[in-house]
Structure formats: C-alpha cells, structure tokens
Amino acid sequence: MNFVVNARPYLYRAIEGGGIALPDDAILLTNDGVNYYWSIECPQDYYSLGDIVTASPVKPNVDRLVCVNKLFLVRANYGKTVW
C-alpha cells in the first residue's frame, strides 16, 4: 500500500517558523568528466545538509530543496573529506 502525504502545508509552516529556507543557488564545485558536483548556496544562518551530483553541466533546479536553520544543527567532525 502506498501513502501520499501532501507535505506542502508542513513545508510552508516550517518556512514561516524559520526552521528551513529555500536555497539561493547551486554552485558548480567540480566535474570528473562524467558527473558534476554542486554545492547548495543557502541564506545567512542556514545550511545545506549535502551536495548534489548530476550527469549534466546544466545547473540543477533548487526549487525542491531546503536549507536548515543553524539553530537545528550540531557541528560534527568526521575526519577526512571526500574532495
């Protein structure tokens, strides 16, 4: 059985409350000839929880992504970065 939840009211409530914000842009970090690695640019005091990898040099649409307010994040150190 599949359930479909209309998340739109919850998303709007979270945006109004300051918990999340829509991204400003996607910035190309690098490419390896096959994949393109993008960083999500967030408004001040908001952070992306990851990057995006695409198979195209066309900038990804960030309309379906959100950035999280720093008040809801805890800094962690996992050692060596991937790139």
N, C-alpha and C. Protein backbone atom coordinates (compact mmCIF):
# COMPACT_ATOMS: atom_id res chain seq x y z
N MET A 1 0.84 -1.17 0.00
CA MET A 1 0.00 0.00 0.00
C MET A 1 0.89 1.24 0.00
N ASN A 2 0.59 2.19 -0.86
CA ASN A 2 1.35 3.43 -0.93
C ASN A 2 0.56 4.56 -0.30
N PHE A 3 1.24 5.39 0.44
CA PHE A 3 0.63 6.56 1.05
C PHE A 3 1.25 7.80 0.45
N VAL A 4 0.43 8.75 0.12
CA VAL A 4 0.92 10.02 -0.40
C VAL A 4 0.54 11.08 0.62
N VAL A 5 1.53 11.83 1.06
CA VAL A 5 1.30 12.88 2.04
C VAL A 5 1.50 14.22 1.36
N ASN A 6 0.55 15.10 1.51
CA ASN A 6 0.71 16.45 0.98
C ASN A 6 1.57 17.23 1.95
N ALA A 7 2.87 17.34 1.64
CA ALA A 7 3.82 17.98 2.55
C ALA A 7 3.82 19.49 2.45
N ARG A 8 3.14 20.03 1.45
CA ARG A 8 3.18 21.47 1.22
C ARG A 8 2.76 22.30 2.44
N PRO A 9 1.68 21.99 3.15
CA PRO A 9 1.34 22.80 4.33
C PRO A 9 2.42 22.75 5.41
N TYR A 10 3.06 21.59 5.58
CA TYR A 10 4.12 21.46 6.58
C TYR A 10 5.35 22.26 6.16
N LEU A 11 5.66 22.25 4.87
CA LEU A 11 6.80 23.00 4.37
C LEU A 11 6.58 24.48 4.58
N TYR A 12 5.41 24.99 4.24
CA TYR A 12 5.13 26.41 4.43
C TYR A 12 5.20 26.80 5.91
N ARG A 13 4.70 25.96 6.78
CA ARG A 13 4.74 26.24 8.21
C ARG A 13 6.19 26.28 8.71
N ALA A 14 7.02 25.37 8.22
CA ALA A 14 8.43 25.36 8.62
C ALA A 14 9.16 26.59 8.11
N ILE A 15 8.84 27.03 6.90
CA ILE A 15 9.47 28.23 6.35
C ILE A 15 9.05 29.45 7.15
N GLU A 16 7.77 29.57 7.44
CA GLU A 16 7.27 30.71 8.21
C GLU A 16 7.88 30.74 9.60
N GLY A 17 8.12 29.58 10.19
CA GLY A 17 8.68 29.50 11.54
C GLY A 17 10.19 29.69 11.57
N GLY A 18 10.84 29.74 10.42
CA GLY A 18 12.28 29.96 10.37
C GLY A 18 13.13 28.72 10.46
N GLY A 19 12.52 27.54 10.48
CA GLY A 19 13.30 26.31 10.59
C GLY A 19 14.04 25.94 9.31
N ILE A 20 13.42 26.25 8.19
CA ILE A 20 14.05 25.99 6.90
C ILE A 20 13.86 27.19 5.99
N ALA A 21 14.68 27.25 4.96
CA ALA A 21 14.59 28.33 3.97
C ALA A 21 14.90 27.75 2.61
N LEU A 22 14.42 28.38 1.59
CA LEU A 22 14.72 27.95 0.23
C LEU A 22 16.14 28.37 -0.13
N PRO A 23 16.86 27.55 -0.89
CA PRO A 23 18.23 27.88 -1.28
C PRO A 23 18.27 29.10 -2.21
N ASP A 24 19.43 29.75 -2.22
CA ASP A 24 19.65 30.88 -3.12
C ASP A 24 20.11 30.42 -4.49
N ASP A 25 20.95 29.38 -4.52
CA ASP A 25 21.55 28.99 -5.79
C ASP A 25 22.28 27.66 -5.65
N ALA A 26 22.73 27.10 -6.77
CA ALA A 26 23.60 25.94 -6.81
C ALA A 26 24.90 26.37 -7.49
N ILE A 27 26.03 26.08 -6.88
CA ILE A 27 27.33 26.49 -7.39
C ILE A 27 28.12 25.25 -7.81
N LEU A 28 28.62 25.24 -9.03
CA LEU A 28 29.41 24.11 -9.51
C LEU A 28 30.74 24.03 -8.77
N LEU A 29 31.00 22.90 -8.14
CA LEU A 29 32.25 22.69 -7.42
C LEU A 29 33.33 22.14 -8.35
N THR A 30 32.99 21.07 -9.05
CA THR A 30 33.95 20.40 -9.93
C THR A 30 33.20 19.40 -10.79
N ASN A 31 33.90 18.82 -11.74
CA ASN A 31 33.35 17.69 -12.50
C ASN A 31 34.49 16.74 -12.81
N ASP A 32 34.13 15.50 -13.00
CA ASP A 32 35.14 14.47 -13.28
C ASP A 32 35.04 13.96 -14.71
N GLY A 33 34.37 14.72 -15.57
CA GLY A 33 34.19 14.30 -16.96
C GLY A 33 32.91 13.53 -17.17
N VAL A 34 32.33 13.01 -16.10
CA VAL A 34 31.08 12.26 -16.18
C VAL A 34 30.02 12.90 -15.28
N ASN A 35 30.41 13.21 -14.07
CA ASN A 35 29.49 13.78 -13.08
C ASN A 35 29.86 15.23 -12.76
N TYR A 36 28.86 15.98 -12.37
CA TYR A 36 29.03 17.38 -11.97
C TYR A 36 28.61 17.52 -10.52
N TYR A 37 29.46 18.12 -9.71
CA TYR A 37 29.25 18.21 -8.27
C TYR A 37 28.89 19.66 -7.92
N TRP A 38 27.73 19.82 -7.29
CA TRP A 38 27.18 21.14 -6.99
C TRP A 38 27.03 21.36 -5.50
N SER A 39 27.36 22.54 -5.05
CA SER A 39 27.15 22.95 -3.67
C SER A 39 25.90 23.82 -3.63
N ILE A 40 25.11 23.67 -2.59
CA ILE A 40 23.89 24.47 -2.45
C ILE A 40 24.22 25.72 -1.64
N GLU A 41 23.91 26.86 -2.19
CA GLU A 41 24.14 28.14 -1.52
C GLU A 41 22.87 28.52 -0.76
N CYS A 42 23.02 28.69 0.55
CA CYS A 42 21.87 28.98 1.42
C CYS A 42 21.92 30.41 1.94
N PRO A 43 20.77 30.93 2.38
CA PRO A 43 20.76 32.25 3.02
C PRO A 43 21.60 32.24 4.30
N GLN A 44 21.93 33.42 4.79
CA GLN A 44 22.72 33.54 6.02
C GLN A 44 22.04 32.80 7.16
N ASP A 45 22.83 32.08 7.95
CA ASP A 45 22.40 31.30 9.12
C ASP A 45 21.66 30.02 8.75
N TYR A 46 21.68 29.62 7.48
CA TYR A 46 21.07 28.37 7.03
C TYR A 46 22.13 27.54 6.32
N TYR A 47 22.00 26.22 6.38
CA TYR A 47 22.99 25.33 5.79
C TYR A 47 22.32 24.21 5.01
N SER A 48 23.02 23.76 3.98
CA SER A 48 22.60 22.60 3.22
C SER A 48 23.13 21.35 3.93
N LEU A 49 22.39 20.27 3.87
CA LEU A 49 22.83 19.03 4.51
C LEU A 49 23.59 18.13 3.54
N GLY A 50 23.91 18.64 2.37
CA GLY A 50 24.67 17.85 1.41
C GLY A 50 24.84 18.59 0.11
N ASP A 51 25.50 17.94 -0.83
CA ASP A 51 25.72 18.48 -2.16
C ASP A 51 24.89 17.68 -3.15
N ILE A 52 24.90 18.12 -4.41
CA ILE A 52 24.14 17.44 -5.46
C ILE A 52 25.12 16.96 -6.52
N VAL A 53 24.88 15.78 -7.06
CA VAL A 53 25.66 15.25 -8.17
C VAL A 53 24.71 15.04 -9.34
N THR A 54 25.10 15.59 -10.51
CA THR A 54 24.28 15.42 -11.70
C THR A 54 25.15 14.86 -12.82
N ALA A 55 24.50 14.39 -13.87
CA ALA A 55 25.22 13.90 -15.05
C ALA A 55 25.24 14.96 -16.14
N SER A 56 24.80 16.16 -15.82
CA SER A 56 24.69 17.23 -16.81
C SER A 56 25.35 18.50 -16.28
N PRO A 57 25.94 19.30 -17.17
CA PRO A 57 26.51 20.57 -16.74
C PRO A 57 25.45 21.65 -16.51
N VAL A 58 24.19 21.33 -16.77
CA VAL A 58 23.11 22.29 -16.57
C VAL A 58 22.86 22.43 -15.06
N LYS A 59 22.81 23.67 -14.60
CA LYS A 59 22.60 23.93 -13.17
C LYS A 59 21.31 23.25 -12.70
N PRO A 60 21.36 22.50 -11.60
CA PRO A 60 20.16 21.82 -11.11
C PRO A 60 19.13 22.81 -10.55
N ASN A 61 17.88 22.44 -10.65
CA ASN A 61 16.80 23.24 -10.12
C ASN A 61 16.76 23.06 -8.60
N VAL A 62 16.88 24.13 -7.86
CA VAL A 62 16.92 24.04 -6.39
C VAL A 62 15.56 24.32 -5.77
N ASP A 63 14.51 24.42 -6.58
CA ASP A 63 13.18 24.73 -6.07
C ASP A 63 12.62 23.67 -5.12
N ARG A 64 13.11 22.45 -5.20
CA ARG A 64 12.59 21.38 -4.34
C ARG A 64 13.52 21.07 -3.17
N LEU A 65 14.52 21.92 -2.97
CA LEU A 65 15.47 21.72 -1.87
C LEU A 65 15.21 22.73 -0.78
N VAL A 66 15.70 22.43 0.41
CA VAL A 66 15.59 23.39 1.52
C VAL A 66 16.92 23.45 2.26
N CYS A 67 17.12 24.56 2.95
CA CYS A 67 18.27 24.76 3.82
C CYS A 67 17.76 24.77 5.26
N VAL A 68 18.56 24.27 6.18
CA VAL A 68 18.15 24.14 7.58
C VAL A 68 18.78 25.25 8.42
N ASN A 69 17.98 25.83 9.30
CA ASN A 69 18.48 26.88 10.19
C ASN A 69 19.54 26.30 11.11
N LYS A 70 20.61 27.08 11.34
CA LYS A 70 21.73 26.59 12.16
C LYS A 70 21.30 26.27 13.59
N LEU A 71 20.20 26.81 14.06
CA LEU A 71 19.71 26.51 15.41
C LEU A 71 19.34 25.04 15.58
N PHE A 72 19.09 24.35 14.45
CA PHE A 72 18.68 22.95 14.50
C PHE A 72 19.80 21.99 14.13
N LEU A 73 21.04 22.52 14.05
CA LEU A 73 22.17 21.70 13.64
C LEU A 73 23.22 21.62 14.74
N VAL A 74 23.94 20.51 14.76
CA VAL A 74 25.05 20.32 15.69
C VAL A 74 26.28 20.01 14.85
N ARG A 75 27.37 20.74 15.08
CA ARG A 75 28.61 20.52 14.31
C ARG A 75 29.23 19.19 14.71
N ALA A 76 29.66 18.44 13.71
CA ALA A 76 30.33 17.17 13.94
C ALA A 76 31.56 17.10 13.06
N ASN A 77 32.58 16.38 13.49
CA ASN A 77 33.80 16.22 12.71
C ASN A 77 33.94 14.74 12.37
N TYR A 78 33.90 14.45 11.07
CA TYR A 78 34.00 13.06 10.63
C TYR A 78 35.34 12.76 9.98
N GLY A 79 36.31 13.67 10.15
CA GLY A 79 37.64 13.41 9.62
C GLY A 79 37.82 13.88 8.19
N LYS A 80 38.50 13.08 7.40
CA LYS A 80 38.87 13.43 6.03
C LYS A 80 37.63 13.63 5.16
N THR A 81 37.67 14.68 4.34
CA THR A 81 36.57 14.92 3.41
C THR A 81 36.77 14.13 2.14
N VAL A 82 35.71 13.97 1.37
CA VAL A 82 35.77 13.18 0.14
C VAL A 82 36.53 13.94 -0.95
N TRP A 83 36.30 15.24 -1.09
CA TRP A 83 37.04 16.05 -2.07
C TRP A 83 37.31 17.41 -1.54
